[in-house]
Amino acid sequence: MLDAGDPAPDFDLDGTDGETTGAYRLSAAAGRAPVLVAFYAADFEPRCRAYLEALRDTDWADLTDAIAVFGVAPGTMDDHRQFATALDAPFPLLVDHPGVDGQFGVRRSDGSTRRAAFLVDRRCRVRFAWADPEPDRDAAVAPDIGPIRSAIARH
């Protein structure tokens, strides 16, 4: 898994906010504001849903002047669109077809994606890395994202 100080692999991924679809490039977004790249395993999986709801419910303006949030997971655009709509997500969900999860070091040996988050700065360097401390827990309980919020408030 990438760690603070590592260069973040740039990516171009298709995504949706539930209404529109488009292409998203990490370096372009990071050039405007820090980016939180939030990996999750699957749309509609209970713990992933709770994780993304916790990110959705975060008052980012209390933590920083500007930030972009990207949810990244394998799947299809149709599934991501339905999930983004069900979540009322204020950030896009990106389809990870080329294996960006592997480049960030969060692909598991079984091919699934670990819930993890990376704060990427304007130079496309990882400033903070976090992984769900209970990756095998399936309950619909959100993982503790307090460390993510704290890292964003510090940067």
N, C-alpha and C. Protein backbone atom coordinates (compact mmCIF):
# COMPACT_ATOMS: atom_id res chain seq x y z
N MET A 1 0.84 -1.18 0.00
CA MET A 1 0.00 0.00 0.00
C MET A 1 0.89 1.24 0.00
N LEU A 2 0.51 2.22 -0.82
CA LEU A 2 1.25 3.48 -0.84
C LEU A 2 1.19 4.13 0.53
N ASP A 3 2.20 4.95 0.81
CA ASP A 3 2.26 5.63 2.09
C ASP A 3 2.56 7.11 1.87
N ALA A 4 2.46 7.89 2.91
CA ALA A 4 2.73 9.32 2.82
C ALA A 4 4.11 9.55 2.21
N GLY A 5 4.17 10.48 1.25
CA GLY A 5 5.41 10.81 0.57
C GLY A 5 5.57 10.12 -0.77
N ASP A 6 4.85 9.02 -0.98
CA ASP A 6 4.94 8.30 -2.26
C ASP A 6 4.24 9.08 -3.36
N PRO A 7 4.72 8.97 -4.60
CA PRO A 7 3.98 9.56 -5.70
C PRO A 7 2.69 8.78 -5.93
N ALA A 8 1.61 9.48 -6.18
CA ALA A 8 0.33 8.83 -6.47
C ALA A 8 0.27 8.52 -7.96
N PRO A 9 -0.08 7.29 -8.31
CA PRO A 9 -0.22 6.97 -9.74
C PRO A 9 -1.35 7.79 -10.35
N ASP A 10 -1.07 8.45 -11.45
CA ASP A 10 -2.11 9.21 -12.13
C ASP A 10 -3.07 8.23 -12.80
N PHE A 11 -4.31 8.64 -12.93
CA PHE A 11 -5.29 7.78 -13.61
C PHE A 11 -6.32 8.61 -14.34
N ASP A 12 -6.90 8.00 -15.35
CA ASP A 12 -8.06 8.50 -16.06
C ASP A 12 -9.13 7.43 -15.93
N LEU A 13 -10.19 7.74 -15.23
CA LEU A 13 -11.26 6.76 -15.03
C LEU A 13 -12.60 7.39 -15.36
N ASP A 14 -13.49 6.60 -15.92
CA ASP A 14 -14.86 7.06 -16.13
C ASP A 14 -15.61 6.97 -14.82
N GLY A 15 -16.52 7.92 -14.62
CA GLY A 15 -17.27 7.93 -13.39
C GLY A 15 -18.60 8.63 -13.54
N THR A 16 -19.36 8.60 -12.46
CA THR A 16 -20.68 9.21 -12.45
C THR A 16 -21.00 9.78 -11.09
N ASP A 17 -21.76 10.85 -11.09
CA ASP A 17 -22.27 11.41 -9.84
C ASP A 17 -23.73 11.00 -9.65
N GLY A 18 -24.19 10.07 -10.48
CA GLY A 18 -25.58 9.61 -10.43
C GLY A 18 -26.42 10.20 -11.54
N GLU A 19 -26.06 11.39 -11.98
CA GLU A 19 -26.81 12.04 -13.06
C GLU A 19 -25.99 12.12 -14.34
N THR A 20 -24.76 12.57 -14.22
CA THR A 20 -23.91 12.71 -15.39
C THR A 20 -22.76 11.71 -15.32
N THR A 21 -22.18 11.46 -16.48
CA THR A 21 -20.98 10.61 -16.53
C THR A 21 -19.87 11.42 -17.17
N GLY A 22 -18.65 11.03 -16.89
CA GLY A 22 -17.53 11.74 -17.47
C GLY A 22 -16.23 11.06 -17.13
N ALA A 23 -15.15 11.62 -17.64
CA ALA A 23 -13.81 11.11 -17.37
C ALA A 23 -13.18 11.97 -16.28
N TYR A 24 -12.47 11.31 -15.39
CA TYR A 24 -11.84 11.99 -14.27
C TYR A 24 -10.36 11.64 -14.25
N ARG A 25 -9.51 12.66 -14.21
CA ARG A 25 -8.06 12.47 -14.15
C ARG A 25 -7.58 12.98 -12.79
N LEU A 26 -6.83 12.14 -12.10
CA LEU A 26 -6.34 12.52 -10.78
C LEU A 26 -5.49 13.78 -10.84
N SER A 27 -4.52 13.83 -11.75
CA SER A 27 -3.61 14.98 -11.78
C SER A 27 -4.34 16.29 -12.07
N ALA A 28 -5.38 16.24 -12.90
CA ALA A 28 -6.14 17.46 -13.22
C ALA A 28 -6.89 17.94 -11.98
N ALA A 29 -7.51 17.02 -11.26
CA ALA A 29 -8.24 17.40 -10.05
C ALA A 29 -7.28 17.89 -8.97
N ALA A 30 -6.15 17.20 -8.82
CA ALA A 30 -5.17 17.58 -7.79
C ALA A 30 -4.55 18.94 -8.08
N GLY A 31 -4.49 19.33 -9.33
CA GLY A 31 -3.97 20.65 -9.68
C GLY A 31 -4.86 21.78 -9.18
N ARG A 32 -6.12 21.47 -8.91
CA ARG A 32 -7.06 22.48 -8.42
C ARG A 32 -7.23 22.46 -6.90
N ALA A 33 -7.12 21.26 -6.31
CA ALA A 33 -7.33 21.10 -4.86
C ALA A 33 -6.85 19.72 -4.46
N PRO A 34 -6.56 19.51 -3.18
CA PRO A 34 -6.22 18.15 -2.75
C PRO A 34 -7.37 17.20 -3.10
N VAL A 35 -7.02 15.92 -3.30
CA VAL A 35 -8.01 14.92 -3.68
C VAL A 35 -7.97 13.78 -2.66
N LEU A 36 -9.14 13.39 -2.20
CA LEU A 36 -9.27 12.18 -1.39
C LEU A 36 -9.73 11.07 -2.32
N VAL A 37 -8.86 10.09 -2.54
CA VAL A 37 -9.19 8.93 -3.38
C VAL A 37 -9.63 7.84 -2.42
N ALA A 38 -10.91 7.52 -2.44
CA ALA A 38 -11.52 6.58 -1.50
C ALA A 38 -11.86 5.28 -2.21
N PHE A 39 -11.06 4.26 -1.99
CA PHE A 39 -11.32 2.95 -2.59
C PHE A 39 -12.33 2.19 -1.75
N TYR A 40 -13.20 1.46 -2.43
CA TYR A 40 -14.15 0.58 -1.75
C TYR A 40 -14.34 -0.67 -2.58
N ALA A 41 -14.86 -1.72 -1.97
CA ALA A 41 -14.89 -3.04 -2.61
C ALA A 41 -16.00 -3.20 -3.63
N ALA A 42 -17.21 -2.76 -3.29
CA ALA A 42 -18.33 -3.05 -4.17
C ALA A 42 -19.50 -2.12 -3.87
N ASP A 43 -20.24 -1.79 -4.93
CA ASP A 43 -21.47 -1.02 -4.77
C ASP A 43 -22.48 -1.85 -3.97
N PHE A 44 -23.19 -1.19 -3.10
CA PHE A 44 -24.27 -1.77 -2.30
C PHE A 44 -23.81 -2.77 -1.24
N GLU A 45 -22.51 -3.03 -1.11
CA GLU A 45 -22.02 -3.89 -0.03
C GLU A 45 -22.20 -3.09 1.27
N PRO A 46 -22.77 -3.67 2.33
CA PRO A 46 -23.17 -2.88 3.50
C PRO A 46 -22.06 -2.04 4.14
N ARG A 47 -20.88 -2.59 4.36
CA ARG A 47 -19.82 -1.80 5.00
C ARG A 47 -19.30 -0.73 4.05
N CYS A 48 -19.23 -1.03 2.77
CA CYS A 48 -18.80 -0.01 1.79
C CYS A 48 -19.82 1.12 1.74
N ARG A 49 -21.09 0.76 1.78
CA ARG A 49 -22.12 1.79 1.78
C ARG A 49 -21.97 2.69 3.02
N ALA A 50 -21.76 2.07 4.19
CA ALA A 50 -21.60 2.84 5.42
C ALA A 50 -20.37 3.75 5.34
N TYR A 51 -19.29 3.24 4.76
CA TYR A 51 -18.05 4.03 4.57
C TYR A 51 -18.32 5.24 3.68
N LEU A 52 -18.96 5.03 2.55
CA LEU A 52 -19.22 6.15 1.64
C LEU A 52 -20.26 7.11 2.22
N GLU A 53 -21.21 6.60 2.99
CA GLU A 53 -22.15 7.50 3.66
C GLU A 53 -21.42 8.38 4.68
N ALA A 54 -20.45 7.82 5.37
CA ALA A 54 -19.66 8.62 6.33
C ALA A 54 -18.89 9.71 5.59
N LEU A 55 -18.34 9.39 4.43
CA LEU A 55 -17.65 10.41 3.63
C LEU A 55 -18.65 11.44 3.12
N ARG A 56 -19.80 10.97 2.66
CA ARG A 56 -20.84 11.88 2.16
C ARG A 56 -21.28 12.85 3.25
N ASP A 57 -21.39 12.37 4.47
CA ASP A 57 -21.92 13.20 5.56
C ASP A 57 -20.87 14.09 6.22
N THR A 58 -19.63 13.99 5.79
CA THR A 58 -18.57 14.83 6.33
C THR A 58 -18.74 16.26 5.83
N ASP A 59 -18.62 17.21 6.72
CA ASP A 59 -18.68 18.62 6.35
C ASP A 59 -17.27 19.06 5.98
N TRP A 60 -16.93 18.88 4.72
CA TRP A 60 -15.57 19.15 4.24
C TRP A 60 -15.18 20.61 4.45
N ALA A 61 -16.14 21.52 4.36
CA ALA A 61 -15.85 22.95 4.52
C ALA A 61 -15.34 23.27 5.92
N ASP A 62 -15.69 22.46 6.90
CA ASP A 62 -15.16 22.66 8.26
C ASP A 62 -13.71 22.23 8.37
N LEU A 63 -13.25 21.42 7.42
CA LEU A 63 -11.90 20.85 7.49
C LEU A 63 -10.89 21.54 6.60
N THR A 64 -11.34 22.03 5.45
CA THR A 64 -10.42 22.59 4.46
C THR A 64 -11.16 23.55 3.53
N ASP A 65 -10.41 24.39 2.85
CA ASP A 65 -11.03 25.34 1.93
C ASP A 65 -11.55 24.65 0.67
N ALA A 66 -10.82 23.65 0.19
CA ALA A 66 -11.23 22.97 -1.04
C ALA A 66 -10.69 21.54 -1.03
N ILE A 67 -11.51 20.62 -1.51
CA ILE A 67 -11.09 19.23 -1.65
C ILE A 67 -12.00 18.56 -2.68
N ALA A 68 -11.43 17.64 -3.42
CA ALA A 68 -12.22 16.78 -4.31
C ALA A 68 -12.21 15.39 -3.71
N VAL A 69 -13.32 14.69 -3.81
CA VAL A 69 -13.42 13.32 -3.32
C VAL A 69 -13.81 12.44 -4.50
N PHE A 70 -13.07 11.35 -4.68
CA PHE A 70 -13.39 10.35 -5.70
C PHE A 70 -13.60 9.01 -5.00
N GLY A 71 -14.75 8.39 -5.19
CA GLY A 71 -14.95 7.01 -4.78
C GLY A 71 -14.50 6.12 -5.93
N VAL A 72 -13.70 5.09 -5.67
CA VAL A 72 -13.16 4.24 -6.73
C VAL A 72 -13.40 2.78 -6.38
N ALA A 73 -14.02 2.05 -7.31
CA ALA A 73 -14.27 0.62 -7.10
C ALA A 73 -14.44 -0.06 -8.44
N PRO A 74 -14.21 -1.38 -8.46
CA PRO A 74 -14.55 -2.12 -9.67
C PRO A 74 -16.07 -2.12 -9.84
N GLY A 75 -16.53 -2.50 -10.99
CA GLY A 75 -17.97 -2.55 -11.24
C GLY A 75 -18.29 -1.97 -12.60
N THR A 76 -19.55 -1.65 -12.78
CA THR A 76 -20.00 -1.10 -14.05
C THR A 76 -20.50 0.33 -13.84
N MET A 77 -20.56 1.08 -14.91
CA MET A 77 -21.08 2.44 -14.84
C MET A 77 -22.53 2.42 -14.38
N ASP A 78 -23.31 1.47 -14.88
CA ASP A 78 -24.72 1.40 -14.47
C ASP A 78 -24.85 1.16 -12.97
N ASP A 79 -24.06 0.22 -12.42
CA ASP A 79 -24.11 -0.04 -10.98
C ASP A 79 -23.67 1.18 -10.19
N HIS A 80 -22.59 1.82 -10.64
CA HIS A 80 -22.10 3.03 -9.95
C HIS A 80 -23.15 4.14 -10.00
N ARG A 81 -23.82 4.29 -11.13
CA ARG A 81 -24.85 5.33 -11.27
C ARG A 81 -25.99 5.07 -10.27
N GLN A 82 -26.45 3.82 -10.20
CA GLN A 82 -27.52 3.48 -9.26
C GLN A 82 -27.07 3.69 -7.82
N PHE A 83 -25.85 3.29 -7.52
CA PHE A 83 -25.32 3.43 -6.16
C PHE A 83 -25.15 4.91 -5.80
N ALA A 84 -24.60 5.70 -6.71
CA ALA A 84 -24.41 7.14 -6.45
C ALA A 84 -25.76 7.81 -6.21
N THR A 85 -26.77 7.41 -6.97
CA THR A 85 -28.11 7.97 -6.79
C THR A 85 -28.69 7.55 -5.45
N ALA A 86 -28.54 6.26 -5.10
CA ALA A 86 -29.07 5.77 -3.82
C ALA A 86 -28.38 6.46 -2.63
N LEU A 87 -27.08 6.73 -2.78
CA LEU A 87 -26.32 7.40 -1.71
C LEU A 87 -26.57 8.89 -1.66
N ASP A 88 -27.06 9.46 -2.77
CA ASP A 88 -27.10 10.90 -2.94
C ASP A 88 -25.69 11.46 -2.74
N ALA A 89 -24.74 10.80 -3.39
CA ALA A 89 -23.32 11.13 -3.23
C ALA A 89 -23.00 12.49 -3.85
N PRO A 90 -22.33 13.37 -3.12
CA PRO A 90 -21.93 14.66 -3.66
C PRO A 90 -20.58 14.59 -4.38
N PHE A 91 -20.08 13.38 -4.58
CA PHE A 91 -18.81 13.15 -5.27
C PHE A 91 -18.99 12.01 -6.25
N PRO A 92 -18.15 11.96 -7.28
CA PRO A 92 -18.31 10.91 -8.29
C PRO A 92 -17.79 9.55 -7.82
N LEU A 93 -18.40 8.51 -8.36
CA LEU A 93 -17.93 7.14 -8.17
C LEU A 93 -17.30 6.71 -9.49
N LEU A 94 -16.04 6.31 -9.43
CA LEU A 94 -15.26 6.00 -10.63
C LEU A 94 -15.13 4.49 -10.80
N VAL A 95 -15.20 4.05 -12.05
CA VAL A 95 -15.09 2.63 -12.38
C VAL A 95 -13.62 2.28 -12.57
N ASP A 96 -13.14 1.39 -11.71
CA ASP A 96 -11.73 0.98 -11.75
C ASP A 96 -11.55 -0.24 -12.64
N HIS A 97 -11.45 0.00 -13.96
CA HIS A 97 -11.20 -1.10 -14.89
C HIS A 97 -9.72 -1.42 -15.05
N PRO A 98 -8.84 -0.44 -15.13
CA PRO A 98 -7.44 -0.77 -15.40
C PRO A 98 -6.62 -1.21 -14.19
N GLY A 99 -7.23 -1.38 -13.03
CA GLY A 99 -6.48 -1.86 -11.87
C GLY A 99 -5.77 -0.79 -11.09
N VAL A 100 -6.38 0.36 -10.97
CA VAL A 100 -5.78 1.44 -10.19
C VAL A 100 -5.62 1.00 -8.73
N ASP A 101 -6.54 0.15 -8.26
CA ASP A 101 -6.41 -0.34 -6.88
C ASP A 101 -5.08 -1.06 -6.67
N GLY A 102 -4.63 -1.80 -7.67
CA GLY A 102 -3.33 -2.48 -7.58
C GLY A 102 -2.17 -1.49 -7.56
N GLN A 103 -2.28 -0.41 -8.32
CA GLN A 103 -1.23 0.60 -8.35
C GLN A 103 -1.11 1.32 -7.01
N PHE A 104 -2.22 1.45 -6.29
CA PHE A 104 -2.20 2.06 -4.97
C PHE A 104 -1.91 1.03 -3.87
N GLY A 105 -1.86 -0.24 -4.25
CA GLY A 105 -1.53 -1.30 -3.31
C GLY A 105 -2.68 -1.74 -2.42
N VAL A 106 -3.91 -1.60 -2.90
CA VAL A 106 -5.06 -1.99 -2.09
C VAL A 106 -5.87 -3.13 -2.70
N ARG A 107 -5.32 -3.79 -3.71
CA ARG A 107 -5.98 -4.98 -4.25
C ARG A 107 -5.54 -6.17 -3.42
N ARG A 108 -6.49 -6.94 -2.98
CA ARG A 108 -6.21 -8.12 -2.17
C ARG A 108 -5.84 -9.30 -3.07
N SER A 109 -5.30 -10.33 -2.45
CA SER A 109 -4.88 -11.51 -3.21
C SER A 109 -6.05 -12.20 -3.90
N ASP A 110 -7.27 -12.03 -3.37
CA ASP A 110 -8.44 -12.64 -4.01
C ASP A 110 -9.01 -11.77 -5.13
N GLY A 111 -8.37 -10.63 -5.40
CA GLY A 111 -8.81 -9.74 -6.47
C GLY A 111 -9.76 -8.64 -6.03
N SER A 112 -10.24 -8.70 -4.79
CA SER A 112 -11.14 -7.66 -4.31
C SER A 112 -10.33 -6.42 -3.89
N THR A 113 -11.04 -5.33 -3.71
CA THR A 113 -10.41 -4.06 -3.34
C THR A 113 -10.64 -3.79 -1.86
N ARG A 114 -9.58 -3.42 -1.17
CA ARG A 114 -9.67 -3.08 0.24
C ARG A 114 -10.18 -1.65 0.40
N ARG A 115 -11.03 -1.41 1.39
CA ARG A 115 -11.45 -0.04 1.69
C ARG A 115 -10.23 0.73 2.18
N ALA A 116 -9.92 1.81 1.49
CA ALA A 116 -8.74 2.60 1.82
C ALA A 116 -8.95 4.01 1.27
N ALA A 117 -8.17 4.95 1.80
CA ALA A 117 -8.25 6.32 1.33
C ALA A 117 -6.86 6.93 1.28
N PHE A 118 -6.66 7.78 0.28
CA PHE A 118 -5.38 8.45 0.09
C PHE A 118 -5.65 9.93 -0.15
N LEU A 119 -4.99 10.77 0.62
CA LEU A 119 -5.06 12.21 0.40
C LEU A 119 -3.90 12.58 -0.51
N VAL A 120 -4.23 13.10 -1.69
CA VAL A 120 -3.23 13.41 -2.71
C VAL A 120 -3.15 14.92 -2.87
N ASP A 121 -1.91 15.44 -2.82
CA ASP A 121 -1.73 16.89 -2.88
C ASP A 121 -1.59 17.38 -4.33
N ARG A 122 -1.36 18.66 -4.47
CA ARG A 122 -1.30 19.28 -5.80
C ARG A 122 -0.12 18.81 -6.65
N ARG A 123 0.89 18.21 -6.00
CA ARG A 123 2.02 17.65 -6.74
C ARG A 123 1.84 16.16 -7.03
N CYS A 124 0.64 15.66 -6.76
CA CYS A 124 0.30 14.24 -6.93
C CYS A 124 1.16 13.34 -6.05
N ARG A 125 1.35 13.78 -4.82
CA ARG A 125 2.03 12.96 -3.83
C ARG A 125 1.03 12.61 -2.73
N VAL A 126 1.17 11.41 -2.23
CA VAL A 126 0.31 10.97 -1.14
C VAL A 126 0.73 11.71 0.13
N ARG A 127 -0.21 12.38 0.75
CA ARG A 127 0.06 13.10 2.00
C ARG A 127 -0.42 12.28 3.21
N PHE A 128 -1.36 11.38 2.97
CA PHE A 128 -1.91 10.55 4.04
C PHE A 128 -2.50 9.31 3.41
N ALA A 129 -2.32 8.18 4.08
CA ALA A 129 -2.90 6.91 3.62
C ALA A 129 -3.61 6.24 4.79
N TRP A 130 -4.75 5.65 4.51
CA TRP A 130 -5.56 4.99 5.53
C TRP A 130 -6.17 3.72 4.93
N ALA A 131 -6.23 2.67 5.72
CA ALA A 131 -6.94 1.45 5.31
C ALA A 131 -7.87 1.05 6.44
N ASP A 132 -9.02 0.52 6.07
CA ASP A 132 -10.01 0.06 7.04
C ASP A 132 -9.34 -0.91 8.02
N PRO A 133 -9.33 -0.60 9.31
CA PRO A 133 -8.67 -1.47 10.27
C PRO A 133 -9.37 -2.82 10.45
N GLU A 134 -10.61 -2.93 9.99
CA GLU A 134 -11.34 -4.19 10.07
C GLU A 134 -11.81 -4.57 8.68
N PRO A 135 -10.88 -4.91 7.78
CA PRO A 135 -11.23 -5.11 6.38
C PRO A 135 -12.18 -6.27 6.11
N ASP A 136 -12.25 -7.24 7.00
CA ASP A 136 -13.11 -8.39 6.76
C ASP A 136 -14.47 -8.28 7.44
N ARG A 137 -14.70 -7.19 8.12
CA ARG A 137 -15.98 -7.00 8.79
C ARG A 137 -17.04 -6.67 7.75
N ASP A 138 -18.13 -7.42 7.74
CA ASP A 138 -19.18 -7.23 6.75
C ASP A 138 -20.35 -6.41 7.25
N ALA A 139 -20.40 -6.14 8.53
CA ALA A 139 -21.53 -5.42 9.10
C ALA A 139 -21.67 -4.03 8.47
N ALA A 140 -22.89 -3.55 8.50
CA ALA A 140 -23.17 -2.24 7.92
C ALA A 140 -22.81 -1.13 8.91
N VAL A 141 -21.63 -1.25 9.51
CA VAL A 141 -21.12 -0.26 10.45
C VAL A 141 -19.98 0.46 9.75
N ALA A 142 -20.04 1.76 9.73
CA ALA A 142 -18.99 2.52 9.05
C ALA A 142 -17.65 2.34 9.76
N PRO A 143 -16.58 2.17 8.99
CA PRO A 143 -15.27 2.17 9.62
C PRO A 143 -14.98 3.56 10.19
N ASP A 144 -14.09 3.62 11.15
CA ASP A 144 -13.73 4.90 11.77
C ASP A 144 -12.92 5.73 10.78
N ILE A 145 -13.54 6.79 10.25
CA ILE A 145 -12.84 7.65 9.31
C ILE A 145 -12.30 8.91 9.99
N GLY A 146 -12.29 8.91 11.31
CA GLY A 146 -11.71 10.03 12.05
C GLY A 146 -10.30 10.37 11.63
N PRO A 147 -9.43 9.35 11.41
CA PRO A 147 -8.07 9.67 10.96
C PRO A 147 -8.05 10.38 9.60
N ILE A 148 -8.99 10.07 8.73
CA ILE A 148 -9.06 10.75 7.43
C ILE A 148 -9.41 12.22 7.65
N ARG A 149 -10.41 12.47 8.46
CA ARG A 149 -10.82 13.86 8.73
C ARG A 149 -9.68 14.64 9.37
N SER A 150 -9.00 14.04 10.32
CA SER A 150 -7.88 14.71 10.99
C SER A 150 -6.77 15.05 10.01
N ALA A 151 -6.44 14.12 9.13
CA ALA A 151 -5.37 14.37 8.15
C ALA A 151 -5.74 15.51 7.22
N ILE A 152 -6.99 15.56 6.79
CA ILE A 152 -7.42 16.64 5.89
C ILE A 152 -7.38 17.98 6.61
N ALA A 153 -7.78 18.00 7.86
CA ALA A 153 -7.75 19.26 8.62
C ALA A 153 -6.32 19.76 8.82
N ARG A 154 -5.35 18.84 8.89
CA ARG A 154 -3.94 19.23 9.08
C ARG A 154 -3.31 19.74 7.79
N HIS A 155 -3.81 19.34 6.65
CA HIS A 155 -3.15 19.68 5.38
C HIS A 155 -3.83 20.81 4.74
